Amino acid sequence: MTAVRKQKTFAARRDAGGTKTAAHGVASFYTEGTKTASGEKFNTLDMTAAHPTLPFGTKLRVTNVASGQSVTVRVNDRGPYVRGRVVDVSYSAADALGMVGKGVAKVKLDVVD
């Protein structure tokens, strides 16, 4: 059995780019669902994400730590509901991050807006 890493959450630390680092942890993606927690229709082609606490509309830069690939998503849903995960992204975002094959990736989250 693999050990699950705890999410590391940071206070509002600003880096050189003026963004806030929200967390480091594991991201997954999802393709199912008809409606998001914000009331929007779920669309796997949109660059969106589910986060447990950030306000709807928050823009996040999600960076795949292994590859350096990053994408900006908009929080419009709640989740993930799997222990140890910090964000669920839409299929399109996962594809841009290069994580579709594995299903999960270690990521860094930065609040950009």
PDB file of N, CA and C in Angstrom:
ATOM      1  N   MET A   1       0.842  -1.188   0.000  1.00  0.00           N
ATOM      2  CA  MET A   1       0.000   0.000   0.000  1.00  0.00           C
ATOM      3  C   MET A   1       0.884   1.247   0.000  1.00  0.00           C
ATOM      4  N   THR A   2       0.528   2.219  -0.777  1.00  0.00           N
ATOM      5  CA  THR A   2       1.311   3.440  -0.884  1.00  0.00           C
ATOM      6  C   THR A   2       0.902   4.428   0.194  1.00  0.00           C
ATOM      7  N   ALA A   3       1.860   5.087   0.766  1.00  0.00           N
ATOM      8  CA  ALA A   3       1.569   6.099   1.786  1.00  0.00           C
ATOM      9  C   ALA A   3       0.992   7.337   1.114  1.00  0.00           C
ATOM     10  N   VAL A   4       0.004   7.921   1.722  1.00  0.00           N
ATOM     11  CA  VAL A   4      -0.612   9.130   1.193  1.00  0.00           C
ATOM     12  C   VAL A   4       0.064  10.326   1.839  1.00  0.00           C
ATOM     13  N   ARG A   5       0.500  11.254   1.018  1.00  0.00           N
ATOM     14  CA  ARG A   5       1.135  12.462   1.530  1.00  0.00           C
ATOM     15  C   ARG A   5       0.093  13.466   1.953  1.00  0.00           C
ATOM     16  N   LYS A   6       0.333  14.112   3.067  1.00  0.00           N
ATOM     17  CA  LYS A   6      -0.578  15.154   3.524  1.00  0.00           C
ATOM     18  C   LYS A   6      -0.390  16.411   2.694  1.00  0.00           C
ATOM     19  N   GLN A   7      -1.472  17.135   2.496  1.00  0.00           N
ATOM     20  CA  GLN A   7      -1.434  18.400   1.771  1.00  0.00           C
ATOM     21  C   GLN A   7      -0.658  19.412   2.588  1.00  0.00           C
ATOM     22  N   LYS A   8       0.208  20.144   1.947  1.00  0.00           N
ATOM     23  CA  LYS A   8       0.929  21.227   2.601  1.00  0.00           C
ATOM     24  C   LYS A   8       0.257  22.527   2.190  1.00  0.00           C
ATOM     25  N   THR A   9      -0.363  23.196   3.134  1.00  0.00           N
ATOM     26  CA  THR A   9      -1.029  24.457   2.841  1.00  0.00           C
ATOM     27  C   THR A   9      -0.179  25.591   3.392  1.00  0.00           C
ATOM     28  N   PHE A  10      -0.075  26.641   2.640  1.00  0.00           N
ATOM     29  CA  PHE A  10       0.752  27.762   3.022  1.00  0.00           C
ATOM     30  C   PHE A  10      -0.108  28.985   3.279  1.00  0.00           C
ATOM     31  N   ALA A  11       0.342  29.815   4.194  1.00  0.00           N
ATOM     32  CA  ALA A  11      -0.318  31.094   4.411  1.00  0.00           C
ATOM     33  C   ALA A  11      -0.121  31.931   3.156  1.00  0.00           C
ATOM     34  N   ALA A  12      -0.717  33.066   3.124  1.00  0.00           N
ATOM     35  CA  ALA A  12      -0.670  33.919   1.936  1.00  0.00           C
ATOM     36  C   ALA A  12       0.738  34.431   1.671  1.00  0.00           C
ATOM     37  N   ARG A  13       1.621  33.554   1.275  1.00  0.00           N
ATOM     38  CA  ARG A  13       2.994  33.899   0.938  1.00  0.00           C
ATOM     39  C   ARG A  13       3.024  34.359  -0.506  1.00  0.00           C
ATOM     40  N   ARG A  14       3.577  35.499  -0.742  1.00  0.00           N
ATOM     41  CA  ARG A  14       3.668  35.995  -2.121  1.00  0.00           C
ATOM     42  C   ARG A  14       5.051  35.688  -2.662  1.00  0.00           C
ATOM     43  N   ASP A  15       5.083  35.164  -3.881  1.00  0.00           N
ATOM     44  CA  ASP A  15       6.378  34.928  -4.506  1.00  0.00           C
ATOM     45  C   ASP A  15       6.717  36.114  -5.400  1.00  0.00           C
ATOM     46  N   ALA A  16       7.807  36.009  -6.126  1.00  0.00           N
ATOM     47  CA  ALA A  16       8.299  37.130  -6.929  1.00  0.00           C
ATOM     48  C   ALA A  16       7.286  37.616  -7.959  1.00  0.00           C
ATOM     49  N   GLY A  17       6.405  36.738  -8.426  1.00  0.00           N
ATOM     50  CA  GLY A  17       5.436  37.119  -9.442  1.00  0.00           C
ATOM     51  C   GLY A  17       4.188  37.764  -8.874  1.00  0.00           C
ATOM     52  N   GLY A  18       4.102  37.900  -7.556  1.00  0.00           N
ATOM     53  CA  GLY A  18       2.930  38.512  -6.957  1.00  0.00           C
ATOM     54  C   GLY A  18       1.762  37.560  -6.788  1.00  0.00           C
ATOM     55  N   THR A  19       1.998  36.266  -6.953  1.00  0.00           N
ATOM     56  CA  THR A  19       0.926  35.291  -6.769  1.00  0.00           C
ATOM     57  C   THR A  19       1.029  34.686  -5.376  1.00  0.00           C
ATOM     58  N   LYS A  20      -0.055  34.116  -4.908  1.00  0.00           N
ATOM     59  CA  LYS A  20      -0.064  33.442  -3.615  1.00  0.00           C
ATOM     60  C   LYS A  20       0.046  31.945  -3.849  1.00  0.00           C
ATOM     61  N   THR A  21       0.943  31.295  -3.120  1.00  0.00           N
ATOM     62  CA  THR A  21       1.039  29.843  -3.197  1.00  0.00           C
ATOM     63  C   THR A  21      -0.052  29.265  -2.320  1.00  0.00           C
ATOM     64  N   ALA A  22      -0.949  28.499  -2.923  1.00  0.00           N
ATOM     65  CA  ALA A  22      -2.068  27.934  -2.186  1.00  0.00           C
ATOM     66  C   ALA A  22      -1.725  26.583  -1.577  1.00  0.00           C
ATOM     67  N   ALA A  23      -1.031  25.727  -2.320  1.00  0.00           N
ATOM     68  CA  ALA A  23      -0.751  24.389  -1.801  1.00  0.00           C
ATOM     69  C   ALA A  23       0.167  23.616  -2.723  1.00  0.00           C
ATOM     70  N   HIS A  24       0.717  22.559  -2.171  1.00  0.00           N
ATOM     71  CA  HIS A  24       1.423  21.525  -2.920  1.00  0.00           C
ATOM     72  C   HIS A  24       0.699  20.236  -2.606  1.00  0.00           C
ATOM     73  N   GLY A  25       0.586  19.342  -3.553  1.00  0.00           N
ATOM     74  CA  GLY A  25      -0.065  18.066  -3.290  1.00  0.00           C
ATOM     75  C   GLY A  25      -0.341  17.324  -4.567  1.00  0.00           C
ATOM     76  N   VAL A  26      -1.335  16.458  -4.515  1.00  0.00           N
ATOM     77  CA  VAL A  26      -1.685  15.614  -5.648  1.00  0.00           C
ATOM     78  C   VAL A  26      -2.948  16.131  -6.315  1.00  0.00           C
ATOM     79  N   ALA A  27      -2.907  16.214  -7.639  1.00  0.00           N
ATOM     80  CA  ALA A  27      -4.080  16.594  -8.433  1.00  0.00           C
ATOM     81  C   ALA A  27      -4.600  15.360  -9.150  1.00  0.00           C
ATOM     82  N   SER A  28      -5.900  15.354  -9.380  1.00  0.00           N
ATOM     83  CA  SER A  28      -6.529  14.328 -10.198  1.00  0.00           C
ATOM     84  C   SER A  28      -7.446  15.062 -11.167  1.00  0.00           C
ATOM     85  N   PHE A  29      -8.106  14.304 -12.038  1.00  0.00           N
ATOM     86  CA  PHE A  29      -9.040  14.961 -12.945  1.00  0.00           C
ATOM     87  C   PHE A  29     -10.341  14.175 -12.994  1.00  0.00           C
ATOM     88  N   TYR A  30     -11.377  14.853 -13.458  1.00  0.00           N
ATOM     89  CA  TYR A  30     -12.671  14.197 -13.546  1.00  0.00           C
ATOM     90  C   TYR A  30     -13.379  14.570 -14.835  1.00  0.00           C
ATOM     91  N   THR A  31     -14.242  13.670 -15.276  1.00  0.00           N
ATOM     92  CA  THR A  31     -14.945  13.858 -16.540  1.00  0.00           C
ATOM     93  C   THR A  31     -16.440  13.651 -16.390  1.00  0.00           C
ATOM     94  N   GLU A  32     -16.866  13.280 -15.200  1.00  0.00           N
ATOM     95  CA  GLU A  32     -18.284  12.983 -14.970  1.00  0.00           C
ATOM     96  C   GLU A  32     -18.960  14.137 -14.249  1.00  0.00           C
ATOM     97  N   GLY A  33     -20.243  14.231 -14.432  1.00  0.00           N
ATOM     98  CA  GLY A  33     -21.018  15.240 -13.721  1.00  0.00           C
ATOM     99  C   GLY A  33     -21.794  16.104 -14.687  1.00  0.00           C
ATOM    100  N   THR A  34     -22.900  16.619 -14.212  1.00  0.00           N
ATOM    101  CA  THR A  34     -23.716  17.461 -15.058  1.00  0.00           C
ATOM    102  C   THR A  34     -23.719  18.903 -14.573  1.00  0.00           C
ATOM    103  N   LYS A  35     -23.653  19.097 -13.258  1.00  0.00           N
ATOM    104  CA  LYS A  35     -23.682  20.425 -12.693  1.00  0.00           C
ATOM    105  C   LYS A  35     -22.592  20.564 -11.635  1.00  0.00           C
ATOM    106  N   THR A  36     -21.958  21.715 -11.608  1.00  0.00           N
ATOM    107  CA  THR A  36     -20.925  21.967 -10.606  1.00  0.00           C
ATOM    108  C   THR A  36     -21.563  22.543  -9.344  1.00  0.00           C
ATOM    109  N   ALA A  37     -20.791  22.600  -8.272  1.00  0.00           N
ATOM    110  CA  ALA A  37     -21.291  23.152  -7.005  1.00  0.00           C
ATOM    111  C   ALA A  37     -21.647  24.639  -7.137  1.00  0.00           C
ATOM    112  N   SER A  38     -21.050  25.320  -8.119  1.00  0.00           N
ATOM    113  CA  SER A  38     -21.364  26.737  -8.332  1.00  0.00           C
ATOM    114  C   SER A  38     -22.649  26.927  -9.132  1.00  0.00           C
ATOM    115  N   GLY A  39     -23.212  25.818  -9.638  1.00  0.00           N
ATOM    116  CA  GLY A  39     -24.437  25.893 -10.417  1.00  0.00           C
ATOM    117  C   GLY A  39     -24.214  25.872 -11.916  1.00  0.00           C
ATOM    118  N   GLU A  40     -22.951  25.955 -12.346  1.00  0.00           N
ATOM    119  CA  GLU A  40     -22.650  25.908 -13.778  1.00  0.00           C
ATOM    120  C   GLU A  40     -22.793  24.491 -14.311  1.00  0.00           C
ATOM    121  N   LYS A  41     -23.031  24.394 -15.605  1.00  0.00           N
ATOM    122  CA  LYS A  41     -23.023  23.098 -16.264  1.00  0.00           C
ATOM    123  C   LYS A  41     -21.567  22.650 -16.378  1.00  0.00           C
ATOM    124  N   PHE A  42     -21.278  21.400 -16.023  1.00  0.00           N
ATOM    125  CA  PHE A  42     -19.910  20.889 -16.113  1.00  0.00           C
ATOM    126  C   PHE A  42     -19.548  20.615 -17.560  1.00  0.00           C
ATOM    127  N   ASN A  43     -18.365  21.070 -17.961  1.00  0.00           N
ATOM    128  CA  ASN A  43     -17.882  20.859 -19.321  1.00  0.00           C
ATOM    129  C   ASN A  43     -16.419  20.435 -19.242  1.00  0.00           C
ATOM    130  N   THR A  44     -16.113  19.215 -19.682  1.00  0.00           N
ATOM    131  CA  THR A  44     -14.739  18.706 -19.608  1.00  0.00           C
ATOM    132  C   THR A  44     -13.778  19.488 -20.500  1.00  0.00           C
ATOM    133  N   LEU A  45     -14.306  20.266 -21.445  1.00  0.00           N
ATOM    134  CA  LEU A  45     -13.455  21.041 -22.348  1.00  0.00           C
ATOM    135  C   LEU A  45     -13.045  22.393 -21.766  1.00  0.00           C
ATOM    136  N   ASP A  46     -13.721  22.832 -20.702  1.00  0.00           N
ATOM    137  CA  ASP A  46     -13.361  24.096 -20.051  1.00  0.00           C
ATOM    138  C   ASP A  46     -12.155  23.892 -19.149  1.00  0.00           C
ATOM    139  N   MET A  47     -11.392  24.944 -18.943  1.00  0.00           N
ATOM    140  CA  MET A  47     -10.237  24.892 -18.034  1.00  0.00           C
ATOM    141  C   MET A  47     -10.723  25.266 -16.639  1.00  0.00           C
ATOM    142  N   THR A  48     -11.284  24.281 -15.955  1.00  0.00           N
ATOM    143  CA  THR A  48     -11.883  24.512 -14.648  1.00  0.00           C
ATOM    144  C   THR A  48     -11.332  23.522 -13.628  1.00  0.00           C
ATOM    145  N   ALA A  49     -11.683  23.776 -12.352  1.00  0.00           N
ATOM    146  CA  ALA A  49     -11.184  22.920 -11.283  1.00  0.00           C
ATOM    147  C   ALA A  49     -12.149  22.896 -10.109  1.00  0.00           C
ATOM    148  N   ALA A  50     -12.012  21.836  -9.327  1.00  0.00           N
ATOM    149  CA  ALA A  50     -12.729  21.713  -8.056  1.00  0.00           C
ATOM    150  C   ALA A  50     -11.704  21.867  -6.940  1.00  0.00           C
ATOM    151  N   HIS A  51     -12.011  22.745  -6.004  1.00  0.00           N
ATOM    152  CA  HIS A  51     -11.148  22.965  -4.842  1.00  0.00           C
ATOM    153  C   HIS A  51     -12.035  22.993  -3.608  1.00  0.00           C
ATOM    154  N   PRO A  52     -11.553  22.463  -2.482  1.00  0.00           N
ATOM    155  CA  PRO A  52     -12.418  22.371  -1.305  1.00  0.00           C
ATOM    156  C   PRO A  52     -12.810  23.700  -0.673  1.00  0.00           C
ATOM    157  N   THR A  53     -11.979  24.739  -0.759  1.00  0.00           N
ATOM    158  CA  THR A  53     -12.266  25.958   0.002  1.00  0.00           C
ATOM    159  C   THR A  53     -12.149  27.275  -0.759  1.00  0.00           C
ATOM    160  N   LEU A  54     -11.390  27.330  -1.829  1.00  0.00           N
ATOM    161  CA  LEU A  54     -11.217  28.606  -2.530  1.00  0.00           C
ATOM    162  C   LEU A  54     -12.539  29.089  -3.120  1.00  0.00           C
ATOM    163  N   PRO A  55     -12.783  30.392  -3.117  1.00  0.00           N
ATOM    164  CA  PRO A  55     -14.038  30.923  -3.652  1.00  0.00           C
ATOM    165  C   PRO A  55     -14.210  30.598  -5.143  1.00  0.00           C
ATOM    166  N   PHE A  56     -15.458  30.402  -5.547  1.00  0.00           N
ATOM    167  CA  PHE A  56     -15.747  30.188  -6.964  1.00  0.00           C
ATOM    168  C   PHE A  56     -15.257  31.398  -7.744  1.00  0.00           C
ATOM    169  N   GLY A  57     -14.691  31.146  -8.906  1.00  0.00           N
ATOM    170  CA  GLY A  57     -14.156  32.219  -9.735  1.00  0.00           C
ATOM    171  C   GLY A  57     -12.666  32.458  -9.545  1.00  0.00           C
ATOM    172  N   THR A  58     -12.082  31.894  -8.481  1.00  0.00           N
ATOM    173  CA  THR A  58     -10.647  32.049  -8.244  1.00  0.00           C
ATOM    174  C   THR A  58      -9.876  31.420  -9.394  1.00  0.00           C
ATOM    175  N   LYS A  59      -8.880  32.131  -9.888  1.00  0.00           N
ATOM    176  CA  LYS A  59      -8.016  31.586 -10.942  1.00  0.00           C
ATOM    177  C   LYS A  59      -6.787  30.980 -10.273  1.00  0.00           C
ATOM    178  N   LEU A  60      -6.476  29.748 -10.654  1.00  0.00           N
ATOM    179  CA  LEU A  60      -5.335  29.015 -10.107  1.00  0.00           C
ATOM    180  C   LEU A  60      -4.383  28.636 -11.212  1.00  0.00           C
ATOM    181  N   ARG A  61      -3.088  28.805 -10.974  1.00  0.00           N
ATOM    182  CA  ARG A  61      -2.099  28.230 -11.871  1.00  0.00           C
ATOM    183  C   ARG A  61      -1.715  26.892 -11.248  1.00  0.00           C
ATOM    184  N   VAL A  62      -1.963  25.821 -11.988  1.00  0.00           N
ATOM    185  CA  VAL A  62      -1.634  24.475 -11.543  1.00  0.00           C
ATOM    186  C   VAL A  62      -0.391  24.053 -12.310  1.00  0.00           C
ATOM    187  N   THR A  63       0.675  23.710 -11.587  1.00  0.00           N
ATOM    188  CA  THR A  63       1.938  23.324 -12.211  1.00  0.00           C
ATOM    189  C   THR A  63       2.252  21.878 -11.870  1.00  0.00           C
ATOM    190  N   ASN A  64       2.465  21.077 -12.905  1.00  0.00           N
ATOM    191  CA  ASN A  64       2.901  19.696 -12.732  1.00  0.00           C
ATOM    192  C   ASN A  64       4.363  19.755 -12.312  1.00  0.00           C
ATOM    193  N   VAL A  65       4.655  19.354 -11.073  1.00  0.00           N
ATOM    194  CA  VAL A  65       5.999  19.478 -10.522  1.00  0.00           C
ATOM    195  C   VAL A  65       7.014  18.664 -11.326  1.00  0.00           C
ATOM    196  N   ALA A  66       6.634  17.485 -11.803  1.00  0.00           N
ATOM    197  CA  ALA A  66       7.560  16.606 -12.528  1.00  0.00           C
ATOM    198  C   ALA A  66       7.943  17.158 -13.901  1.00  0.00           C
ATOM    199  N   SER A  67       6.965  17.744 -14.608  1.00  0.00           N
ATOM    200  CA  SER A  67       7.225  18.171 -15.983  1.00  0.00           C
ATOM    201  C   SER A  67       7.410  19.675 -16.131  1.00  0.00           C
ATOM    202  N   GLY A  68       6.947  20.442 -15.159  1.00  0.00           N
ATOM    203  CA  GLY A  68       7.005  21.899 -15.267  1.00  0.00           C
ATOM    204  C   GLY A  68       5.860  22.491 -16.068  1.00  0.00           C
ATOM    205  N   GLN A  69       5.017  21.644 -16.662  1.00  0.00           N
ATOM    206  CA  GLN A  69       3.870  22.143 -17.428  1.00  0.00           C
ATOM    207  C   GLN A  69       2.880  22.802 -16.473  1.00  0.00           C
ATOM    208  N   SER A  70       2.288  23.916 -16.910  1.00  0.00           N
ATOM    209  CA  SER A  70       1.297  24.571 -16.060  1.00  0.00           C
ATOM    210  C   SER A  70       0.121  25.058 -16.893  1.00  0.00           C
ATOM    211  N   VAL A  71      -0.982  25.275 -16.210  1.00  0.00           N
ATOM    212  CA  VAL A  71      -2.211  25.729 -16.844  1.00  0.00           C
ATOM    213  C   VAL A  71      -2.959  26.577 -15.828  1.00  0.00           C
ATOM    214  N   THR A  72      -3.712  27.554 -16.319  1.00  0.00           N
ATOM    215  CA  THR A  72      -4.546  28.366 -15.434  1.00  0.00           C
ATOM    216  C   THR A  72      -5.979  27.875 -15.545  1.00  0.00           C
ATOM    217  N   VAL A  73      -6.584  27.597 -14.395  1.00  0.00           N
ATOM    218  CA  VAL A  73      -7.959  27.102 -14.331  1.00  0.00           C
ATOM    219  C   VAL A  73      -8.784  28.029 -13.455  1.00  0.00           C
ATOM    220  N   ARG A  74     -10.088  27.926 -13.594  1.00  0.00           N
ATOM    221  CA  ARG A  74     -11.021  28.703 -12.775  1.00  0.00           C
ATOM    222  C   ARG A  74     -11.768  27.740 -11.855  1.00  0.00           C
ATOM    223  N   VAL A  75     -11.792  28.043 -10.567  1.00  0.00           N
ATOM    224  CA  VAL A  75     -12.498  27.197  -9.597  1.00  0.00           C
ATOM    225  C   VAL A  75     -14.003  27.404  -9.763  1.00  0.00           C
ATOM    226  N   ASN A  76     -14.719  26.316 -10.070  1.00  0.00           N
ATOM    227  CA  ASN A  76     -16.179  26.399 -10.199  1.00  0.00           C
ATOM    228  C   ASN A  76     -16.878  25.216  -9.546  1.00  0.00           C
ATOM    229  N   ASP A  77     -16.120  24.405  -8.789  1.00  0.00           N
ATOM    230  CA  ASP A  77     -16.699  23.210  -8.180  1.00  0.00           C
ATOM    231  C   ASP A  77     -15.993  22.926  -6.863  1.00  0.00           C
ATOM    232  N   ARG A  78     -16.555  22.007  -6.082  1.00  0.00           N
ATOM    233  CA  ARG A  78     -15.972  21.586  -4.816  1.00  0.00           C
ATOM    234  C   ARG A  78     -15.410  20.183  -4.953  1.00  0.00           C
ATOM    235  N   GLY A  79     -14.384  19.901  -4.216  1.00  0.00           N
ATOM    236  CA  GLY A  79     -13.710  18.624  -4.228  1.00  0.00           C
ATOM    237  C   GLY A  79     -12.228  18.908  -4.142  1.00  0.00           C
ATOM    238  N   PRO A  80     -11.381  17.970  -4.293  1.00  0.00           N
ATOM    239  CA  PRO A  80     -11.650  16.545  -4.462  1.00  0.00           C
ATOM    240  C   PRO A  80     -12.070  15.906  -3.139  1.00  0.00           C
ATOM    241  N   TYR A  81     -12.704  14.773  -3.256  1.00  0.00           N
ATOM    242  CA  TYR A  81     -13.189  14.057  -2.084  1.00  0.00           C
ATOM    243  C   TYR A  81     -12.388  12.791  -1.824  1.00  0.00           C
ATOM    244  N   VAL A  82     -11.138  12.788  -2.278  1.00  0.00           N
ATOM    245  CA  VAL A  82     -10.222  11.678  -2.033  1.00  0.00           C
ATOM    246  C   VAL A  82      -9.102  12.209  -1.143  1.00  0.00           C
ATOM    247  N   ARG A  83      -8.874  11.541  -0.053  1.00  0.00           N
ATOM    248  CA  ARG A  83      -7.862  11.973   0.912  1.00  0.00           C
ATOM    249  C   ARG A  83      -6.500  12.145   0.239  1.00  0.00           C
ATOM    250  N   GLY A  84      -5.828  13.241   0.568  1.00  0.00           N
ATOM    251  CA  GLY A  84      -4.495  13.496   0.048  1.00  0.00           C
ATOM    252  C   GLY A  84      -4.443  14.284  -1.245  1.00  0.00           C
ATOM    253  N   ARG A  85      -5.590  14.537  -1.850  1.00  0.00           N
ATOM    254  CA  ARG A  85      -5.609  15.307  -3.100  1.00  0.00           C
ATOM    255  C   ARG A  85      -5.980  16.757  -2.814  1.00  0.00           C
ATOM    256  N   VAL A  86      -5.360  17.677  -3.546  1.00  0.00           N
ATOM    257  CA  VAL A  86      -5.583  19.104  -3.296  1.00  0.00           C
ATOM    258  C   VAL A  86      -6.472  19.773  -4.327  1.00  0.00           C
ATOM    259  N   VAL A  87      -6.619  19.165  -5.508  1.00  0.00           N
ATOM    260  CA  VAL A  87      -7.437  19.775  -6.562  1.00  0.00           C
ATOM    261  C   VAL A  87      -7.849  18.696  -7.561  1.00  0.00           C
ATOM    262  N   ASP A  88      -9.024  18.859  -8.122  1.00  0.00           N
ATOM    263  CA  ASP A  88      -9.482  18.072  -9.272  1.00  0.00           C
ATOM    264  C   ASP A  88      -9.583  19.048 -10.431  1.00  0.00           C
ATOM    265  N   VAL A  89      -9.013  18.685 -11.558  1.00  0.00           N
ATOM    266  CA  VAL A  89      -9.094  19.552 -12.730  1.00  0.00           C
ATOM    267  C   VAL A  89      -9.930  18.882 -13.810  1.00  0.00           C
ATOM    268  N   SER A  90     -10.422  19.673 -14.746  1.00  0.00           N
ATOM    269  CA  SER A  90     -11.182  19.132 -15.872  1.00  0.00           C
ATOM    270  C   SER A  90     -10.255  18.327 -16.781  1.00  0.00           C
ATOM    271  N   TYR A  91     -10.843  17.537 -17.658  1.00  0.00           N
ATOM    272  CA  TYR A  91     -10.054  16.722 -18.584  1.00  0.00           C
ATOM    273  C   TYR A  91      -9.114  17.577 -19.430  1.00  0.00           C
ATOM    274  N   SER A  92      -9.610  18.697 -19.940  1.00  0.00           N
ATOM    275  CA  SER A  92      -8.774  19.567 -20.781  1.00  0.00           C
ATOM    276  C   SER A  92      -7.562  20.079 -20.017  1.00  0.00           C
ATOM    277  N   ALA A  93      -7.763  20.475 -18.775  1.00  0.00           N
ATOM    278  CA  ALA A  93      -6.648  20.944 -17.962  1.00  0.00           C
ATOM    279  C   ALA A  93      -5.662  19.808 -17.692  1.00  0.00           C
ATOM    280  N   ALA A  94      -6.191  18.619 -17.395  1.00  0.00           N
ATOM    281  CA  ALA A  94      -5.334  17.457 -17.154  1.00  0.00           C
ATOM    282  C   ALA A  94      -4.513  17.116 -18.391  1.00  0.00           C
ATOM    283  N   ASP A  95      -5.120  17.221 -19.551  1.00  0.00           N
ATOM    284  CA  ASP A  95      -4.428  16.946 -20.801  1.00  0.00           C
ATOM    285  C   ASP A  95      -3.283  17.945 -21.000  1.00  0.00           C
ATOM    286  N   ALA A  96      -3.553  19.223 -20.732  1.00  0.00           N
ATOM    287  CA  ALA A  96      -2.529  20.260 -20.873  1.00  0.00           C
ATOM    288  C   ALA A  96      -1.390  20.065 -19.871  1.00  0.00           C
ATOM    289  N   LEU A  97      -1.692  19.455 -18.734  1.00  0.00           N
ATOM    290  CA  LEU A  97      -0.683  19.197 -17.711  1.00  0.00           C
ATOM    291  C   LEU A  97       0.084  17.898 -17.961  1.00  0.00           C
ATOM    292  N   GLY A  98      -0.369  17.116 -18.932  1.00  0.00           N
ATOM    293  CA  GLY A  98       0.291  15.857 -19.242  1.00  0.00           C
ATOM    294  C   GLY A  98       0.056  14.774 -18.217  1.00  0.00           C
ATOM    295  N   MET A  99      -1.106  14.794 -17.560  1.00  0.00           N
ATOM    296  CA  MET A  99      -1.364  13.832 -16.487  1.00  0.00           C
ATOM    297  C   MET A  99      -2.489  12.850 -16.787  1.00  0.00           C
ATOM    298  N   VAL A 100      -3.029  12.879 -17.994  1.00  0.00           N
ATOM    299  CA  VAL A 100      -4.159  12.014 -18.324  1.00  0.00           C
ATOM    300  C   VAL A 100      -3.783  10.535 -18.221  1.00  0.00           C
ATOM    301  N   GLY A 101      -2.610  10.164 -18.711  1.00  0.00           N
ATOM    302  CA  GLY A 101      -2.193   8.759 -18.683  1.00  0.00           C
ATOM    303  C   GLY A 101      -2.100   8.179 -17.295  1.00  0.00           C
ATOM    304  N   LYS A 102      -1.516   8.924 -16.365  1.00  0.00           N
ATOM    305  CA  LYS A 102      -1.356   8.450 -14.985  1.00  0.00           C
ATOM    306  C   LYS A 102      -2.587   8.696 -14.135  1.00  0.00           C
ATOM    307  N   GLY A 103      -3.369   9.705 -14.483  1.00  0.00           N
ATOM    308  CA  GLY A 103      -4.570  10.024 -13.713  1.00  0.00           C
ATOM    309  C   GLY A 103      -4.350  10.982 -12.571  1.00  0.00           C
ATOM    310  N   VAL A 104      -3.133  11.050 -12.076  1.00  0.00           N
ATOM    311  CA  VAL A 104      -2.795  11.965 -10.985  1.00  0.00           C
ATOM    312  C   VAL A 104      -1.413  12.552 -11.243  1.00  0.00           C
ATOM    313  N   ALA A 105      -1.115  13.655 -10.576  1.00  0.00           N
ATOM    314  CA  ALA A 105       0.209  14.271 -10.681  1.00  0.00           C
ATOM    315  C   ALA A 105       0.466  15.099  -9.428  1.00  0.00           C
ATOM    316  N   LYS A 106       1.729  15.180  -9.036  1.00  0.00           N
ATOM    317  CA  LYS A 106       2.110  16.084  -7.962  1.00  0.00           C
ATOM    318  C   LYS A 106       2.127  17.480  -8.555  1.00  0.00           C
ATOM    319  N   VAL A 107       1.464  18.406  -7.868  1.00  0.00           N
ATOM    320  CA  VAL A 107       1.318  19.762  -8.400  1.00  0.00           C
ATOM    321  C   VAL A 107       1.600  20.815  -7.346  1.00  0.00           C
ATOM    322  N   LYS A 108       1.818  22.019  -7.847  1.00  0.00           N
ATOM    323  CA  LYS A 108       1.893  23.222  -7.030  1.00  0.00           C
ATOM    324  C   LYS A 108       0.749  24.108  -7.492  1.00  0.00           C
ATOM    325  N   LEU A 109       0.008  24.668  -6.554  1.00  0.00           N
ATOM    326  CA  LEU A 109      -1.101  25.569  -6.862  1.00  0.00           C
ATOM    327  C   LEU A 109      -0.725  26.982  -6.487  1.00  0.00           C
ATOM    328  N   ASP A 110      -0.940  27.915  -7.402  1.00  0.00           N
ATOM    329  CA  ASP A 110      -0.722  29.342  -7.124  1.00  0.00           C
ATOM    330  C   ASP A 110      -1.983  30.094  -7.473  1.00  0.00           C
ATOM    331  N   VAL A 111      -2.468  30.892  -6.543  1.00  0.00           N
ATOM    332  CA  VAL A 111      -3.628  31.739  -6.801  1.00  0.00           C
ATOM    333  C   VAL A 111      -3.148  32.924  -7.626  1.00  0.00           C
ATOM    334  N   VAL A 112      -3.729  33.107  -8.825  1.00  0.00           N
ATOM    335  CA  VAL A 112      -3.307  34.208  -9.679  1.00  0.00           C
ATOM    336  C   VAL A 112      -4.357  35.313  -9.767  1.00  0.00           C
ATOM    337  N   ASP A 113      -5.605  35.041  -9.380  1.00  0.00           N
ATOM    338  CA  ASP A 113      -6.653  36.060  -9.415  1.00  0.00           C
ATOM    339  C   ASP A 113      -7.854  35.581  -8.651  1.00  0.00           C
TER     340      ASP A 113
END
